[in-house]
Amino acid sequence: MKSIRIVHLISTFAIGLFAGLLYTFEQGVIPALMTLNATEYARVEQGLIRSLDAFPTGVIVVANLAMLLPLYPLVRLWQQRNTAYWRLTALGWALFFFGVGIFTIVLNVPINNAVLAWDPAAPPADWENARSTWNTLNAIRTPINYVSFLLMIWASFEMPEG
C-alpha cells in the first residue's frame, strides 16, 4: 500500500503542476499575448513553445507522469473498484488523460506546430484566428485540469488503510 500512496502523491503533484502551468497561462501569459501585434505575437509565442518543449524534464515529462502514474493504483486496487478512493482516482485520471492530455495533443499541439512554422516577419493573415482558437481550447482544458487535480486530492483522503 505504501507504493500506492507514493505513486498517488507523485501523480497528484504532477497534475497540480500542470494545473499551475495552465493557470499561469490563463491569468498572465494569455492576457499579455493579447496585447501584441502579429509580428510580436509570432516571435513571443514561438519562443514560449520552444522553451516549454525544449527542457526534457519539463512539461512533457510532467504531463506523461500525470497521465500514466494513476494507472498503477487503479490496476493494483482493481478488486476495490467500488471504493471512493478508486472511483475518485479513476475519474481524476480520466479527466486529466482525456480532457487535458489527449485534448492537448489532438487540438492545441497542432496549433503550436503551425505557429512554429510561421515567419515572424510575415505571420499569416489569419494569425488572430489561430490565437483565438488556442486560447479557447486552453479555457476549456484548464478547468478540466483543476477538477482532475481536486479529485486526486479528494481521493488521497479516501485511500484505503493497509
C-alpha atoms as a PDB file:
ATOM      1  CA  MET A   1       0.000   0.000   0.000  1.00  0.00           C
ATOM      2  CA  LYS A   2       2.959   2.292   0.581  1.00  0.00           C
ATOM      3  CA  SER A   3       3.835   2.169  -3.128  1.00  0.00           C
ATOM      4  CA  ILE A   4       0.259   3.169  -3.985  1.00  0.00           C
ATOM      5  CA  ARG A   5       0.451   6.140  -1.623  1.00  0.00           C
ATOM      6  CA  ILE A   6       3.748   7.276  -3.121  1.00  0.00           C
ATOM      7  CA  VAL A   7       2.542   6.914  -6.705  1.00  0.00           C
ATOM      8  CA  HIS A   8      -0.716   8.696  -5.868  1.00  0.00           C
ATOM      9  CA  LEU A   9       1.217  11.562  -4.271  1.00  0.00           C
ATOM     10  CA  ILE A  10       3.567  11.920  -7.259  1.00  0.00           C
ATOM     11  CA  SER A  11       0.743  11.763  -9.797  1.00  0.00           C
ATOM     12  CA  THR A  12      -1.342  14.277  -7.846  1.00  0.00           C
ATOM     13  CA  PHE A  13       1.673  16.585  -7.675  1.00  0.00           C
ATOM     14  CA  ALA A  14       2.217  16.237 -11.453  1.00  0.00           C
ATOM     15  CA  ILE A  15      -1.444  17.015 -12.164  1.00  0.00           C
ATOM     16  CA  GLY A  16      -1.165  20.001  -9.826  1.00  0.00           C
ATOM     17  CA  LEU A  17       1.967  21.252 -11.587  1.00  0.00           C
ATOM     18  CA  PHE A  18       0.165  21.092 -14.906  1.00  0.00           C
ATOM     19  CA  ALA A  19      -2.823  22.904 -13.371  1.00  0.00           C
ATOM     20  CA  GLY A  20      -0.424  25.605 -12.200  1.00  0.00           C
ATOM     21  CA  LEU A  21       1.035  25.944 -15.672  1.00  0.00           C
ATOM     22  CA  LEU A  22      -2.408  26.282 -17.239  1.00  0.00           C
ATOM     23  CA  TYR A  23      -3.437  28.755 -14.526  1.00  0.00           C
ATOM     24  CA  THR A  24      -0.353  30.848 -15.286  1.00  0.00           C
ATOM     25  CA  PHE A  25      -1.244  30.879 -18.972  1.00  0.00           C
ATOM     26  CA  GLU A  26      -4.891  31.800 -18.305  1.00  0.00           C
ATOM     27  CA  GLN A  27      -4.121  34.546 -15.809  1.00  0.00           C
ATOM     28  CA  GLY A  28      -0.841  36.009 -17.043  1.00  0.00           C
ATOM     29  CA  VAL A  29       0.551  34.797 -20.328  1.00  0.00           C
ATOM     30  CA  ILE A  30      -2.594  34.930 -22.478  1.00  0.00           C
ATOM     31  CA  PRO A  31      -3.591  38.457 -21.371  1.00  0.00           C
ATOM     32  CA  ALA A  32      -0.055  39.635 -22.187  1.00  0.00           C
ATOM     33  CA  LEU A  33      -0.096  37.896 -25.583  1.00  0.00           C
ATOM     34  CA  MET A  34      -3.406  39.579 -26.392  1.00  0.00           C
ATOM     35  CA  THR A  35      -1.653  42.975 -26.366  1.00  0.00           C
ATOM     36  CA  LEU A  36       0.859  42.033 -29.079  1.00  0.00           C
ATOM     37  CA  ASN A  37       0.700  42.722 -32.800  1.00  0.00           C
ATOM     38  CA  ALA A  38       1.155  39.905 -35.338  1.00  0.00           C
ATOM     39  CA  THR A  39       4.953  40.030 -35.537  1.00  0.00           C
ATOM     40  CA  GLU A  40       5.426  40.353 -31.783  1.00  0.00           C
ATOM     41  CA  TYR A  41       2.925  37.565 -31.142  1.00  0.00           C
ATOM     42  CA  ALA A  42       4.635  35.182 -33.577  1.00  0.00           C
ATOM     43  CA  ARG A  43       8.077  35.799 -32.041  1.00  0.00           C
ATOM     44  CA  VAL A  44       6.955  35.536 -28.426  1.00  0.00           C
ATOM     45  CA  GLU A  45       4.679  32.534 -28.989  1.00  0.00           C
ATOM     46  CA  GLN A  46       7.391  30.667 -30.889  1.00  0.00           C
ATOM     47  CA  GLY A  47       9.789  31.353 -28.029  1.00  0.00           C
ATOM     48  CA  LEU A  48       7.284  30.086 -25.471  1.00  0.00           C
ATOM     49  CA  ILE A  49       6.564  26.909 -27.435  1.00  0.00           C
ATOM     50  CA  ARG A  50      10.252  26.166 -27.961  1.00  0.00           C
ATOM     51  CA  SER A  51      11.165  26.815 -24.337  1.00  0.00           C
ATOM     52  CA  LEU A  52       8.337  24.654 -22.972  1.00  0.00           C
ATOM     53  CA  ASP A  53       9.172  21.794 -25.350  1.00  0.00           C
ATOM     54  CA  ALA A  54      12.966  22.013 -25.042  1.00  0.00           C
ATOM     55  CA  PHE A  55      13.566  21.087 -21.415  1.00  0.00           C
ATOM     56  CA  PRO A  56      13.467  17.264 -21.309  1.00  0.00           C
ATOM     57  CA  THR A  57      12.243  17.041 -17.729  1.00  0.00           C
ATOM     58  CA  GLY A  58       9.750  19.822 -18.144  1.00  0.00           C
ATOM     59  CA  VAL A  59       6.187  19.889 -19.342  1.00  0.00           C
ATOM     60  CA  ILE A  60       6.256  16.698 -21.402  1.00  0.00           C
ATOM     61  CA  VAL A  61       7.620  14.539 -18.576  1.00  0.00           C
ATOM     62  CA  VAL A  62       5.257  16.046 -16.002  1.00  0.00           C
ATOM     63  CA  ALA A  63       2.271  15.541 -18.319  1.00  0.00           C
ATOM     64  CA  ASN A  64       3.264  11.930 -19.002  1.00  0.00           C
ATOM     65  CA  LEU A  65       3.645  11.227 -15.286  1.00  0.00           C
ATOM     66  CA  ALA A  66       0.213  12.731 -14.687  1.00  0.00           C
ATOM     67  CA  MET A  67      -1.318  10.661 -17.489  1.00  0.00           C
ATOM     68  CA  LEU A  68       0.326   7.322 -16.676  1.00  0.00           C
ATOM     69  CA  LEU A  69       1.088   7.069 -12.943  1.00  0.00           C
ATOM     70  CA  PRO A  70      -2.554   6.927 -11.771  1.00  0.00           C
ATOM     71  CA  LEU A  71      -2.926   3.686 -13.686  1.00  0.00           C
ATOM     72  CA  TYR A  72      -0.733   1.911 -11.132  1.00  0.00           C
ATOM     73  CA  PRO A  73      -3.126   2.260  -8.150  1.00  0.00           C
ATOM     74  CA  LEU A  74      -6.128   1.700 -10.417  1.00  0.00           C
ATOM     75  CA  VAL A  75      -4.725  -1.615 -11.624  1.00  0.00           C
ATOM     76  CA  ARG A  76      -3.342  -2.685  -8.235  1.00  0.00           C
ATOM     77  CA  LEU A  77      -6.649  -1.917  -6.497  1.00  0.00           C
ATOM     78  CA  TRP A  78      -8.952  -3.236  -9.219  1.00  0.00           C
ATOM     79  CA  GLN A  79     -10.629  -5.506  -6.650  1.00  0.00           C
ATOM     80  CA  GLN A  80     -11.534  -2.368  -4.684  1.00  0.00           C
ATOM     81  CA  ARG A  81     -13.021  -0.500  -7.638  1.00  0.00           C
ATOM     82  CA  ASN A  82     -16.234   0.085  -5.680  1.00  0.00           C
ATOM     83  CA  THR A  83     -14.419   2.281  -3.126  1.00  0.00           C
ATOM     84  CA  ALA A  84     -14.493   6.061  -3.123  1.00  0.00           C
ATOM     85  CA  TYR A  85     -10.695   6.140  -3.491  1.00  0.00           C
ATOM     86  CA  TRP A  86     -10.714   4.041  -6.649  1.00  0.00           C
ATOM     87  CA  ARG A  87     -13.622   5.902  -8.235  1.00  0.00           C
ATOM     88  CA  LEU A  88     -12.256   9.359  -7.458  1.00  0.00           C
ATOM     89  CA  THR A  89      -8.814   8.368  -8.728  1.00  0.00           C
ATOM     90  CA  ALA A  90     -10.318   6.849 -11.881  1.00  0.00           C
ATOM     91  CA  LEU A  91     -12.387   9.962 -12.573  1.00  0.00           C
ATOM     92  CA  GLY A  92      -9.461  12.297 -11.826  1.00  0.00           C
ATOM     93  CA  TRP A  93      -7.226  10.243 -14.123  1.00  0.00           C
ATOM     94  CA  ALA A  94      -9.808  10.068 -16.931  1.00  0.00           C
ATOM     95  CA  LEU A  95     -10.401  13.816 -16.828  1.00  0.00           C
ATOM     96  CA  PHE A  96      -6.690  14.535 -16.967  1.00  0.00           C
ATOM     97  CA  PHE A  97      -5.844  11.856 -19.528  1.00  0.00           C
ATOM     98  CA  PHE A  98      -8.627  12.684 -21.981  1.00  0.00           C
ATOM     99  CA  GLY A  99      -9.644  16.235 -21.026  1.00  0.00           C
ATOM    100  CA  VAL A 100      -6.128  17.591 -20.737  1.00  0.00           C
ATOM    101  CA  GLY A 101      -3.622  15.110 -22.183  1.00  0.00           C
ATOM    102  CA  ILE A 102      -5.333  13.843 -25.325  1.00  0.00           C
ATOM    103  CA  PHE A 103      -7.162  17.175 -25.755  1.00  0.00           C
ATOM    104  CA  THR A 104      -3.798  18.983 -25.783  1.00  0.00           C
ATOM    105  CA  ILE A 105      -2.142  16.525 -28.167  1.00  0.00           C
ATOM    106  CA  VAL A 106      -5.038  16.494 -30.629  1.00  0.00           C
ATOM    107  CA  LEU A 107      -6.114  20.150 -30.512  1.00  0.00           C
ATOM    108  CA  ASN A 108      -3.516  22.523 -29.002  1.00  0.00           C
ATOM    109  CA  VAL A 109      -0.290  20.944 -30.277  1.00  0.00           C
ATOM    110  CA  PRO A 110      -1.246  21.201 -33.979  1.00  0.00           C
ATOM    111  CA  ILE A 111      -1.811  24.936 -33.488  1.00  0.00           C
ATOM    112  CA  ASN A 112       1.579  25.183 -31.746  1.00  0.00           C
ATOM    113  CA  ASN A 113       3.214  23.362 -34.662  1.00  0.00           C
ATOM    114  CA  ALA A 114       1.552  25.711 -37.157  1.00  0.00           C
ATOM    115  CA  VAL A 115       2.741  28.759 -35.191  1.00  0.00           C
ATOM    116  CA  LEU A 116       6.287  27.373 -35.154  1.00  0.00           C
ATOM    117  CA  ALA A 117       6.186  27.249 -38.967  1.00  0.00           C
ATOM    118  CA  TRP A 118       5.240  30.931 -39.297  1.00  0.00           C
ATOM    119  CA  ASP A 119       7.731  33.501 -40.480  1.00  0.00           C
ATOM    120  CA  PRO A 120       7.627  36.015 -37.604  1.00  0.00           C
ATOM    121  CA  ALA A 121       8.354  38.847 -40.027  1.00  0.00           C
ATOM    122  CA  ALA A 122       5.257  37.922 -42.060  1.00  0.00           C
ATOM    123  CA  PRO A 123       2.686  35.991 -39.983  1.00  0.00           C
ATOM    124  CA  PRO A 124      -0.335  34.634 -41.856  1.00  0.00           C
ATOM    125  CA  ALA A 125      -3.363  36.866 -42.317  1.00  0.00           C
ATOM    126  CA  ASP A 126      -5.448  34.633 -40.030  1.00  0.00           C
ATOM    127  CA  TRP A 127      -2.954  34.672 -37.146  1.00  0.00           C
ATOM    128  CA  GLU A 128      -5.590  36.101 -34.783  1.00  0.00           C
ATOM    129  CA  ASN A 129      -7.870  33.161 -35.534  1.00  0.00           C
ATOM    130  CA  ALA A 130      -5.116  30.711 -34.530  1.00  0.00           C
ATOM    131  CA  ARG A 131      -4.505  32.660 -31.325  1.00  0.00           C
ATOM    132  CA  SER A 132      -8.216  32.813 -30.515  1.00  0.00           C
ATOM    133  CA  THR A 133      -8.740  29.098 -31.162  1.00  0.00           C
ATOM    134  CA  TRP A 134      -5.760  28.145 -28.976  1.00  0.00           C
ATOM    135  CA  ASN A 135      -6.990  30.445 -26.182  1.00  0.00           C
ATOM    136  CA  THR A 136     -10.496  28.958 -26.360  1.00  0.00           C
ATOM    137  CA  LEU A 137      -9.118  25.431 -26.187  1.00  0.00           C
ATOM    138  CA  ASN A 138      -6.970  26.406 -23.223  1.00  0.00           C
ATOM    139  CA  ALA A 139     -10.008  27.918 -21.489  1.00  0.00           C
ATOM    140  CA  ILE A 140     -11.716  24.526 -21.832  1.00  0.00           C
ATOM    141  CA  ARG A 141      -8.874  22.283 -20.681  1.00  0.00           C
ATOM    142  CA  THR A 142      -7.831  24.486 -17.742  1.00  0.00           C
ATOM    143  CA  PRO A 143     -10.944  23.940 -15.579  1.00  0.00           C
ATOM    144  CA  ILE A 144     -10.920  20.249 -16.535  1.00  0.00           C
ATOM    145  CA  ASN A 145      -7.376  20.097 -15.145  1.00  0.00           C
ATOM    146  CA  TYR A 146      -8.492  21.865 -11.946  1.00  0.00           C
ATOM    147  CA  VAL A 147     -11.278  19.348 -11.415  1.00  0.00           C
ATOM    148  CA  SER A 148      -8.948  16.406 -12.021  1.00  0.00           C
ATOM    149  CA  PHE A 149      -6.485  17.849  -9.507  1.00  0.00           C
ATOM    150  CA  LEU A 150      -9.202  18.345  -6.883  1.00  0.00           C
ATOM    151  CA  LEU A 151     -10.470  14.790  -7.441  1.00  0.00           C
ATOM    152  CA  MET A 152      -6.970  13.399  -6.925  1.00  0.00           C
ATOM    153  CA  ILE A 153      -6.611  15.398  -3.704  1.00  0.00           C
ATOM    154  CA  TRP A 154     -10.016  14.179  -2.521  1.00  0.00           C
ATOM    155  CA  ALA A 155      -9.070  10.600  -3.409  1.00  0.00           C
ATOM    156  CA  SER A 156      -5.975  10.846  -1.205  1.00  0.00           C
ATOM    157  CA  PHE A 157      -8.262  11.363   1.809  1.00  0.00           C
ATOM    158  CA  GLU A 158     -10.285   8.288   0.828  1.00  0.00           C
ATOM    159  CA  MET A 159      -7.297   5.972   0.380  1.00  0.00           C
ATOM    160  CA  PRO A 160      -7.859   2.548   1.961  1.00  0.00           C
ATOM    161  CA  GLU A 161      -5.778   1.664   5.003  1.00  0.00           C
ATOM    162  CA  GLY A 162      -3.186  -1.054   4.938  1.00  0.00           C
END
